[in-house]
Amino acid sequence: MERRDFLKAFALTSGVFLASPILSYGKGEYPVNPEPNKYHKVPLLPWGYVELDPDEAFKRGHLGYFAGECGAATFWAVISSLT
């Protein structure tokens, strides 16, 4: 097999693979849950403001950096401080 033929076959298969979710969207393959989630009650808006402790968020962010680096550590520090 020549390099050109390999690249053509690769482009064709990757194009079909990437286009398949787009082409099959809306054909009833994805289940839709019409009833609201009965296990988690979401409070009505506006949600209250929760003041975070800066020192505690700093400690959590520092510890989270070793688990998932910069962005993940920041996200984890803020979200885990809200709970």
PDB file of N, CA and C in Angstrom:
ATOM      1  N   MET A   1       0.853  -1.175   0.000  1.00  0.00           N
ATOM      2  CA  MET A   1       0.000   0.000   0.000  1.00  0.00           C
ATOM      3  C   MET A   1       0.897   1.236   0.000  1.00  0.00           C
ATOM      4  N   GLU A   2       0.583   2.143  -0.868  1.00  0.00           N
ATOM      5  CA  GLU A   2       1.356   3.375  -0.952  1.00  0.00           C
ATOM      6  C   GLU A   2       0.879   4.371   0.099  1.00  0.00           C
ATOM      7  N   ARG A   3       1.738   5.325   0.354  1.00  0.00           N
ATOM      8  CA  ARG A   3       1.433   6.341   1.366  1.00  0.00           C
ATOM      9  C   ARG A   3       0.186   7.123   0.990  1.00  0.00           C
ATOM     10  N   ARG A   4       0.031   7.455  -0.251  1.00  0.00           N
ATOM     11  CA  ARG A   4      -1.118   8.228  -0.717  1.00  0.00           C
ATOM     12  C   ARG A   4      -2.420   7.455  -0.503  1.00  0.00           C
ATOM     13  N   ASP A   5      -2.423   6.158  -0.794  1.00  0.00           N
ATOM     14  CA  ASP A   5      -3.615   5.333  -0.599  1.00  0.00           C
ATOM     15  C   ASP A   5      -3.958   5.212   0.886  1.00  0.00           C
ATOM     16  N   PHE A   6      -2.920   5.079   1.694  1.00  0.00           N
ATOM     17  CA  PHE A   6      -3.153   5.001   3.142  1.00  0.00           C
ATOM     18  C   PHE A   6      -3.793   6.280   3.660  1.00  0.00           C
ATOM     19  N   LEU A   7      -3.285   7.427   3.236  1.00  0.00           N
ATOM     20  CA  LEU A   7      -3.839   8.697   3.697  1.00  0.00           C
ATOM     21  C   LEU A   7      -5.271   8.903   3.212  1.00  0.00           C
ATOM     22  N   LYS A   8      -5.578   8.477   2.002  1.00  0.00           N
ATOM     23  CA  LYS A   8      -6.957   8.573   1.498  1.00  0.00           C
ATOM     24  C   LYS A   8      -7.894   7.714   2.331  1.00  0.00           C
ATOM     25  N   ALA A   9      -7.481   6.474   2.624  1.00  0.00           N
ATOM     26  CA  ALA A   9      -8.314   5.575   3.421  1.00  0.00           C
ATOM     27  C   ALA A   9      -8.480   6.109   4.837  1.00  0.00           C
ATOM     28  N   PHE A  10      -7.411   6.641   5.401  1.00  0.00           N
ATOM     29  CA  PHE A  10      -7.486   7.196   6.753  1.00  0.00           C
ATOM     30  C   PHE A  10      -8.423   8.399   6.796  1.00  0.00           C
ATOM     31  N   ALA A  11      -8.324   9.285   5.817  1.00  0.00           N
ATOM     32  CA  ALA A  11      -9.189  10.463   5.773  1.00  0.00           C
ATOM     33  C   ALA A  11     -10.648  10.062   5.606  1.00  0.00           C
ATOM     34  N   LEU A  12     -10.903   9.075   4.787  1.00  0.00           N
ATOM     35  CA  LEU A  12     -12.278   8.631   4.567  1.00  0.00           C
ATOM     36  C   LEU A  12     -12.867   8.017   5.831  1.00  0.00           C
ATOM     37  N   THR A  13     -12.131   7.123   6.479  1.00  0.00           N
ATOM     38  CA  THR A  13     -12.661   6.475   7.687  1.00  0.00           C
ATOM     39  C   THR A  13     -12.792   7.455   8.841  1.00  0.00           C
ATOM     40  N   SER A  14     -11.853   8.379   8.988  1.00  0.00           N
ATOM     41  CA  SER A  14     -11.982   9.343  10.076  1.00  0.00           C
ATOM     42  C   SER A  14     -13.121  10.316   9.800  1.00  0.00           C
ATOM     43  N   GLY A  15     -13.349  10.664   8.538  1.00  0.00           N
ATOM     44  CA  GLY A  15     -14.467  11.548   8.205  1.00  0.00           C
ATOM     45  C   GLY A  15     -15.799  10.897   8.490  1.00  0.00           C
ATOM     46  N   VAL A  16     -15.924   9.616   8.153  1.00  0.00           N
ATOM     47  CA  VAL A  16     -17.159   8.883   8.437  1.00  0.00           C
ATOM     48  C   VAL A  16     -17.347   8.740   9.944  1.00  0.00           C
ATOM     49  N   PHE A  17     -16.267   8.465  10.648  1.00  0.00           N
ATOM     50  CA  PHE A  17     -16.347   8.308  12.101  1.00  0.00           C
ATOM     51  C   PHE A  17     -16.768   9.603  12.777  1.00  0.00           C
ATOM     52  N   LEU A  18     -16.234  10.722  12.332  1.00  0.00           N
ATOM     53  CA  LEU A  18     -16.570  12.004  12.942  1.00  0.00           C
ATOM     54  C   LEU A  18     -17.942  12.513  12.522  1.00  0.00           C
ATOM     55  N   ALA A  19     -18.404  12.157  11.337  1.00  0.00           N
ATOM     56  CA  ALA A  19     -19.684  12.656  10.844  1.00  0.00           C
ATOM     57  C   ALA A  19     -20.864  11.798  11.285  1.00  0.00           C
ATOM     58  N   SER A  20     -20.620  10.600  11.762  1.00  0.00           N
ATOM     59  CA  SER A  20     -21.729   9.710  12.099  1.00  0.00           C
ATOM     60  C   SER A  20     -22.630  10.240  13.217  1.00  0.00           C
ATOM     61  N   PRO A  21     -22.114  10.848  14.301  1.00  0.00           N
ATOM     62  CA  PRO A  21     -23.043  11.404  15.294  1.00  0.00           C
ATOM     63  C   PRO A  21     -23.863  12.561  14.747  1.00  0.00           C
ATOM     64  N   ILE A  22     -23.296  13.341  13.844  1.00  0.00           N
ATOM     65  CA  ILE A  22     -24.022  14.478  13.272  1.00  0.00           C
ATOM     66  C   ILE A  22     -25.141  13.984  12.357  1.00  0.00           C
ATOM     67  N   LEU A  23     -24.853  12.969  11.574  1.00  0.00           N
ATOM     68  CA  LEU A  23     -25.848  12.458  10.633  1.00  0.00           C
ATOM     69  C   LEU A  23     -26.970  11.696  11.333  1.00  0.00           C
ATOM     70  N   SER A  24     -26.684  11.091  12.484  1.00  0.00           N
ATOM     71  CA  SER A  24     -27.706  10.308  13.167  1.00  0.00           C
ATOM     72  C   SER A  24     -28.466  11.117  14.213  1.00  0.00           C
ATOM     73  N   TYR A  25     -28.154  12.394  14.389  1.00  0.00           N
ATOM     74  CA  TYR A  25     -28.835  13.205  15.392  1.00  0.00           C
ATOM     75  C   TYR A  25     -30.291  13.432  14.997  1.00  0.00           C
ATOM     76  N   GLY A  26     -31.182  13.272  15.945  1.00  0.00           N
ATOM     77  CA  GLY A  26     -32.593  13.516  15.708  1.00  0.00           C
ATOM     78  C   GLY A  26     -33.349  12.335  15.155  1.00  0.00           C
ATOM     79  N   LYS A  27     -32.767  11.170  15.118  1.00  0.00           N
ATOM     80  CA  LYS A  27     -33.445   9.996  14.595  1.00  0.00           C
ATOM     81  C   LYS A  27     -33.942   9.077  15.707  1.00  0.00           C
ATOM     82  N   GLY A  28     -34.024   9.603  16.914  1.00  0.00           N
ATOM     83  CA  GLY A  28     -34.558   8.824  18.018  1.00  0.00           C
ATOM     84  C   GLY A  28     -33.578   7.860  18.647  1.00  0.00           C
ATOM     85  N   GLU A  29     -32.325   7.992  18.365  1.00  0.00           N
ATOM     86  CA  GLU A  29     -31.348   7.086  18.947  1.00  0.00           C
ATOM     87  C   GLU A  29     -30.923   7.516  20.345  1.00  0.00           C
ATOM     88  N   TYR A  30     -31.143   8.763  20.682  1.00  0.00           N
ATOM     89  CA  TYR A  30     -30.744   9.266  21.985  1.00  0.00           C
ATOM     90  C   TYR A  30     -31.980   9.341  22.871  1.00  0.00           C
ATOM     91  N   PRO A  31     -31.970   8.670  24.025  1.00  0.00           N
ATOM     92  CA  PRO A  31     -33.164   8.680  24.876  1.00  0.00           C
ATOM     93  C   PRO A  31     -33.391  10.056  25.493  1.00  0.00           C
ATOM     94  N   VAL A  32     -34.632  10.419  25.589  1.00  0.00           N
ATOM     95  CA  VAL A  32     -35.009  11.689  26.175  1.00  0.00           C
ATOM     96  C   VAL A  32     -35.826  11.392  27.426  1.00  0.00           C
ATOM     97  N   ASN A  33     -35.460  12.025  28.520  1.00  0.00           N
ATOM     98  CA  ASN A  33     -36.167  11.829  29.778  1.00  0.00           C
ATOM     99  C   ASN A  33     -37.148  12.981  29.963  1.00  0.00           C
ATOM    100  N   PRO A  34     -38.447  12.761  29.714  1.00  0.00           N
ATOM    101  CA  PRO A  34     -39.397  13.863  29.794  1.00  0.00           C
ATOM    102  C   PRO A  34     -39.726  14.293  31.223  1.00  0.00           C
ATOM    103  N   GLU A  35     -39.571  13.399  32.185  1.00  0.00           N
ATOM    104  CA  GLU A  35     -39.909  13.780  33.554  1.00  0.00           C
ATOM    105  C   GLU A  35     -38.698  14.394  34.242  1.00  0.00           C
ATOM    106  N   PRO A  36     -38.921  15.360  35.116  1.00  0.00           N
ATOM    107  CA  PRO A  36     -37.795  15.994  35.799  1.00  0.00           C
ATOM    108  C   PRO A  36     -37.110  15.004  36.744  1.00  0.00           C
ATOM    109  N   ASN A  37     -35.907  15.335  37.092  1.00  0.00           N
ATOM    110  CA  ASN A  37     -35.139  14.475  37.983  1.00  0.00           C
ATOM    111  C   ASN A  37     -35.786  14.495  39.364  1.00  0.00           C
ATOM    112  N   LYS A  38     -36.257  13.352  39.813  1.00  0.00           N
ATOM    113  CA  LYS A  38     -36.968  13.298  41.094  1.00  0.00           C
ATOM    114  C   LYS A  38     -36.040  13.077  42.273  1.00  0.00           C
ATOM    115  N   TYR A  39     -34.748  12.894  42.016  1.00  0.00           N
ATOM    116  CA  TYR A  39     -33.814  12.627  43.097  1.00  0.00           C
ATOM    117  C   TYR A  39     -33.092  13.879  43.574  1.00  0.00           C
ATOM    118  N   HIS A  40     -32.891  14.840  42.681  1.00  0.00           N
ATOM    119  CA  HIS A  40     -32.187  16.062  43.040  1.00  0.00           C
ATOM    120  C   HIS A  40     -33.110  17.244  42.826  1.00  0.00           C
ATOM    121  N   LYS A  41     -33.482  17.895  43.891  1.00  0.00           N
ATOM    122  CA  LYS A  41     -34.331  19.076  43.808  1.00  0.00           C
ATOM    123  C   LYS A  41     -33.446  20.308  43.662  1.00  0.00           C
ATOM    124  N   VAL A  42     -33.622  21.034  42.583  1.00  0.00           N
ATOM    125  CA  VAL A  42     -32.847  22.241  42.330  1.00  0.00           C
ATOM    126  C   VAL A  42     -33.591  23.417  42.928  1.00  0.00           C
ATOM    127  N   PRO A  43     -32.925  24.235  43.749  1.00  0.00           N
ATOM    128  CA  PRO A  43     -33.615  25.390  44.334  1.00  0.00           C
ATOM    129  C   PRO A  43     -33.948  26.423  43.266  1.00  0.00           C
ATOM    130  N   LEU A  44     -34.982  27.172  43.520  1.00  0.00           N
ATOM    131  CA  LEU A  44     -35.411  28.208  42.591  1.00  0.00           C
ATOM    132  C   LEU A  44     -34.408  29.357  42.572  1.00  0.00           C
ATOM    133  N   LEU A  45     -34.365  30.038  41.449  1.00  0.00           N
ATOM    134  CA  LEU A  45     -33.483  31.194  41.315  1.00  0.00           C
ATOM    135  C   LEU A  45     -34.074  32.382  42.026  1.00  0.00           C
ATOM    136  N   PRO A  46     -33.357  33.319  42.494  1.00  0.00           N
ATOM    137  CA  PRO A  46     -31.907  33.452  42.491  1.00  0.00           C
ATOM    138  C   PRO A  46     -31.289  32.616  43.606  1.00  0.00           C
ATOM    139  N   TRP A  47     -30.172  31.996  43.297  1.00  0.00           N
ATOM    140  CA  TRP A  47     -29.468  31.210  44.292  1.00  0.00           C
ATOM    141  C   TRP A  47     -28.716  32.133  45.237  1.00  0.00           C
ATOM    142  N   GLY A  48     -28.580  31.692  46.445  1.00  0.00           N
ATOM    143  CA  GLY A  48     -27.893  32.503  47.453  1.00  0.00           C
ATOM    144  C   GLY A  48     -26.397  32.583  47.210  1.00  0.00           C
ATOM    145  N   TYR A  49     -25.795  33.599  47.764  1.00  0.00           N
ATOM    146  CA  TYR A  49     -24.354  33.796  47.640  1.00  0.00           C
ATOM    147  C   TYR A  49     -23.675  33.132  48.832  1.00  0.00           C
ATOM    148  N   VAL A  50     -22.660  32.350  48.569  1.00  0.00           N
ATOM    149  CA  VAL A  50     -21.896  31.691  49.613  1.00  0.00           C
ATOM    150  C   VAL A  50     -20.510  32.304  49.641  1.00  0.00           C
ATOM    151  N   GLU A  51     -20.144  32.866  50.786  1.00  0.00           N
ATOM    152  CA  GLU A  51     -18.815  33.466  50.902  1.00  0.00           C
ATOM    153  C   GLU A  51     -17.805  32.370  51.228  1.00  0.00           C
ATOM    154  N   LEU A  52     -16.749  32.312  50.445  1.00  0.00           N
ATOM    155  CA  LEU A  52     -15.727  31.292  50.623  1.00  0.00           C
ATOM    156  C   LEU A  52     -14.609  31.806  51.518  1.00  0.00           C
ATOM    157  N   ASP A  53     -14.038  30.893  52.278  1.00  0.00           N
ATOM    158  CA  ASP A  53     -12.877  31.212  53.086  1.00  0.00           C
ATOM    159  C   ASP A  53     -11.643  31.174  52.178  1.00  0.00           C
ATOM    160  N   PRO A  54     -10.949  32.300  51.993  1.00  0.00           N
ATOM    161  CA  PRO A  54      -9.815  32.320  51.069  1.00  0.00           C
ATOM    162  C   PRO A  54      -8.693  31.364  51.457  1.00  0.00           C
ATOM    163  N   ASP A  55      -8.441  31.209  52.753  1.00  0.00           N
ATOM    164  CA  ASP A  55      -7.360  30.310  53.184  1.00  0.00           C
ATOM    165  C   ASP A  55      -7.712  28.855  52.902  1.00  0.00           C
ATOM    166  N   GLU A  56      -8.963  28.506  53.144  1.00  0.00           N
ATOM    167  CA  GLU A  56      -9.395  27.121  52.883  1.00  0.00           C
ATOM    168  C   GLU A  56      -9.377  26.822  51.376  1.00  0.00           C
ATOM    169  N   ALA A  57      -9.822  27.772  50.562  1.00  0.00           N
ATOM    170  CA  ALA A  57      -9.787  27.587  49.111  1.00  0.00           C
ATOM    171  C   ALA A  57      -8.350  27.490  48.608  1.00  0.00           C
ATOM    172  N   PHE A  58      -7.443  28.264  49.211  1.00  0.00           N
ATOM    173  CA  PHE A  58      -6.030  28.187  48.839  1.00  0.00           C
ATOM    174  C   PHE A  58      -5.460  26.802  49.150  1.00  0.00           C
ATOM    175  N   LYS A  59      -5.771  26.278  50.335  1.00  0.00           N
ATOM    176  CA  LYS A  59      -5.272  24.951  50.712  1.00  0.00           C
ATOM    177  C   LYS A  59      -5.818  23.872  49.783  1.00  0.00           C
ATOM    178  N   ARG A  60      -7.102  23.960  49.473  1.00  0.00           N
ATOM    179  CA  ARG A  60      -7.702  22.963  48.580  1.00  0.00           C
ATOM    180  C   ARG A  60      -7.136  23.067  47.165  1.00  0.00           C
ATOM    181  N   GLY A  61      -6.905  24.271  46.701  1.00  0.00           N
ATOM    182  CA  GLY A  61      -6.317  24.449  45.384  1.00  0.00           C
ATOM    183  C   GLY A  61      -4.898  23.926  45.319  1.00  0.00           C
ATOM    184  N   HIS A  62      -4.142  24.130  46.393  1.00  0.00           N
ATOM    185  CA  HIS A  62      -2.770  23.631  46.434  1.00  0.00           C
ATOM    186  C   HIS A  62      -2.747  22.103  46.427  1.00  0.00           C
ATOM    187  N   LEU A  63      -3.627  21.490  47.202  1.00  0.00           N
ATOM    188  CA  LEU A  63      -3.701  20.026  47.221  1.00  0.00           C
ATOM    189  C   LEU A  63      -4.240  19.479  45.901  1.00  0.00           C
ATOM    190  N   GLY A  64      -5.191  20.183  45.308  1.00  0.00           N
ATOM    191  CA  GLY A  64      -5.771  19.728  44.052  1.00  0.00           C
ATOM    192  C   GLY A  64      -4.827  19.831  42.879  1.00  0.00           C
ATOM    193  N   TYR A  65      -3.808  20.686  42.989  1.00  0.00           N
ATOM    194  CA  TYR A  65      -2.853  20.827  41.890  1.00  0.00           C
ATOM    195  C   TYR A  65      -2.117  19.523  41.631  1.00  0.00           C
ATOM    196  N   PHE A  66      -1.820  18.784  42.678  1.00  0.00           N
ATOM    197  CA  PHE A  66      -1.085  17.536  42.516  1.00  0.00           C
ATOM    198  C   PHE A  66      -1.957  16.429  41.933  1.00  0.00           C
ATOM    199  N   ALA A  67      -3.259  16.597  42.003  1.00  0.00           N
ATOM    200  CA  ALA A  67      -4.167  15.598  41.437  1.00  0.00           C
ATOM    201  C   ALA A  67      -4.519  15.909  39.986  1.00  0.00           C
ATOM    202  N   GLY A  68      -4.641  17.187  39.634  1.00  0.00           N
ATOM    203  CA  GLY A  68      -5.105  17.476  38.287  1.00  0.00           C
ATOM    204  C   GLY A  68      -4.545  18.732  37.664  1.00  0.00           C
ATOM    205  N   GLU A  69      -3.512  19.300  38.240  1.00  0.00           N
ATOM    206  CA  GLU A  69      -2.833  20.494  37.755  1.00  0.00           C
ATOM    207  C   GLU A  69      -3.713  21.739  37.845  1.00  0.00           C
ATOM    208  N   CYS A  70      -3.394  22.757  37.107  1.00  0.00           N
ATOM    209  CA  CYS A  70      -3.880  24.118  37.356  1.00  0.00           C
ATOM    210  C   CYS A  70      -5.398  24.292  37.263  1.00  0.00           C
ATOM    211  N   GLY A  71      -5.968  24.028  36.101  1.00  0.00           N
ATOM    212  CA  GLY A  71      -7.402  24.274  35.919  1.00  0.00           C
ATOM    213  C   GLY A  71      -8.264  23.386  36.781  1.00  0.00           C
ATOM    214  N   ALA A  72      -7.910  22.119  36.851  1.00  0.00           N
ATOM    215  CA  ALA A  72      -8.678  21.178  37.664  1.00  0.00           C
ATOM    216  C   ALA A  72      -8.575  21.526  39.140  1.00  0.00           C
ATOM    217  N   ALA A  73      -7.412  21.983  39.575  1.00  0.00           N
ATOM    218  CA  ALA A  73      -7.231  22.345  40.980  1.00  0.00           C
ATOM    219  C   ALA A  73      -8.090  23.543  41.350  1.00  0.00           C
ATOM    220  N   THR A  74      -8.144  24.523  40.467  1.00  0.00           N
ATOM    221  CA  THR A  74      -8.962  25.702  40.729  1.00  0.00           C
ATOM    222  C   THR A  74     -10.439  25.343  40.786  1.00  0.00           C
ATOM    223  N   PHE A  75     -10.883  24.570  39.812  1.00  0.00           N
ATOM    224  CA  PHE A  75     -12.287  24.152  39.777  1.00  0.00           C
ATOM    225  C   PHE A  75     -12.635  23.360  41.038  1.00  0.00           C
ATOM    226  N   TRP A  76     -11.790  22.398  41.379  1.00  0.00           N
ATOM    227  CA  TRP A  76     -12.059  21.554  42.550  1.00  0.00           C
ATOM    228  C   TRP A  76     -12.070  22.367  43.834  1.00  0.00           C
ATOM    229  N   ALA A  77     -11.154  23.327  43.950  1.00  0.00           N
ATOM    230  CA  ALA A  77     -11.091  24.139  45.165  1.00  0.00           C
ATOM    231  C   ALA A  77     -12.366  24.944  45.358  1.00  0.00           C
ATOM    232  N   VAL A  78     -12.871  25.546  44.293  1.00  0.00           N
ATOM    233  CA  VAL A  78     -14.068  26.374  44.408  1.00  0.00           C
ATOM    234  C   VAL A  78     -15.305  25.515  44.640  1.00  0.00           C
ATOM    235  N   ILE A  79     -15.477  24.473  43.821  1.00  0.00           N
ATOM    236  CA  ILE A  79     -16.688  23.650  43.912  1.00  0.00           C
ATOM    237  C   ILE A  79     -16.744  22.893  45.238  1.00  0.00           C
ATOM    238  N   SER A  80     -15.626  22.351  45.680  1.00  0.00           N
ATOM    239  CA  SER A  80     -15.655  21.609  46.940  1.00  0.00           C
ATOM    240  C   SER A  80     -15.849  22.536  48.131  1.00  0.00           C
ATOM    241  N   SER A  81     -15.479  23.806  47.988  1.00  0.00           N
ATOM    242  CA  SER A  81     -15.721  24.758  49.076  1.00  0.00           C
ATOM    243  C   SER A  81     -17.192  25.157  49.163  1.00  0.00           C
ATOM    244  N   LEU A  82     -17.926  25.013  48.078  1.00  0.00           N
ATOM    245  CA  LEU A  82     -19.345  25.383  48.093  1.00  0.00           C
ATOM    246  C   LEU A  82     -20.211  24.341  48.778  1.00  0.00           C
ATOM    247  N   THR A  83     -19.729  23.114  48.863  1.00  0.00           N
ATOM    248  CA  THR A  83     -20.555  22.059  49.461  1.00  0.00           C
ATOM    249  C   THR A  83     -20.379  21.962  50.942  1.00  0.00           C
TER     250      THR A  83
END
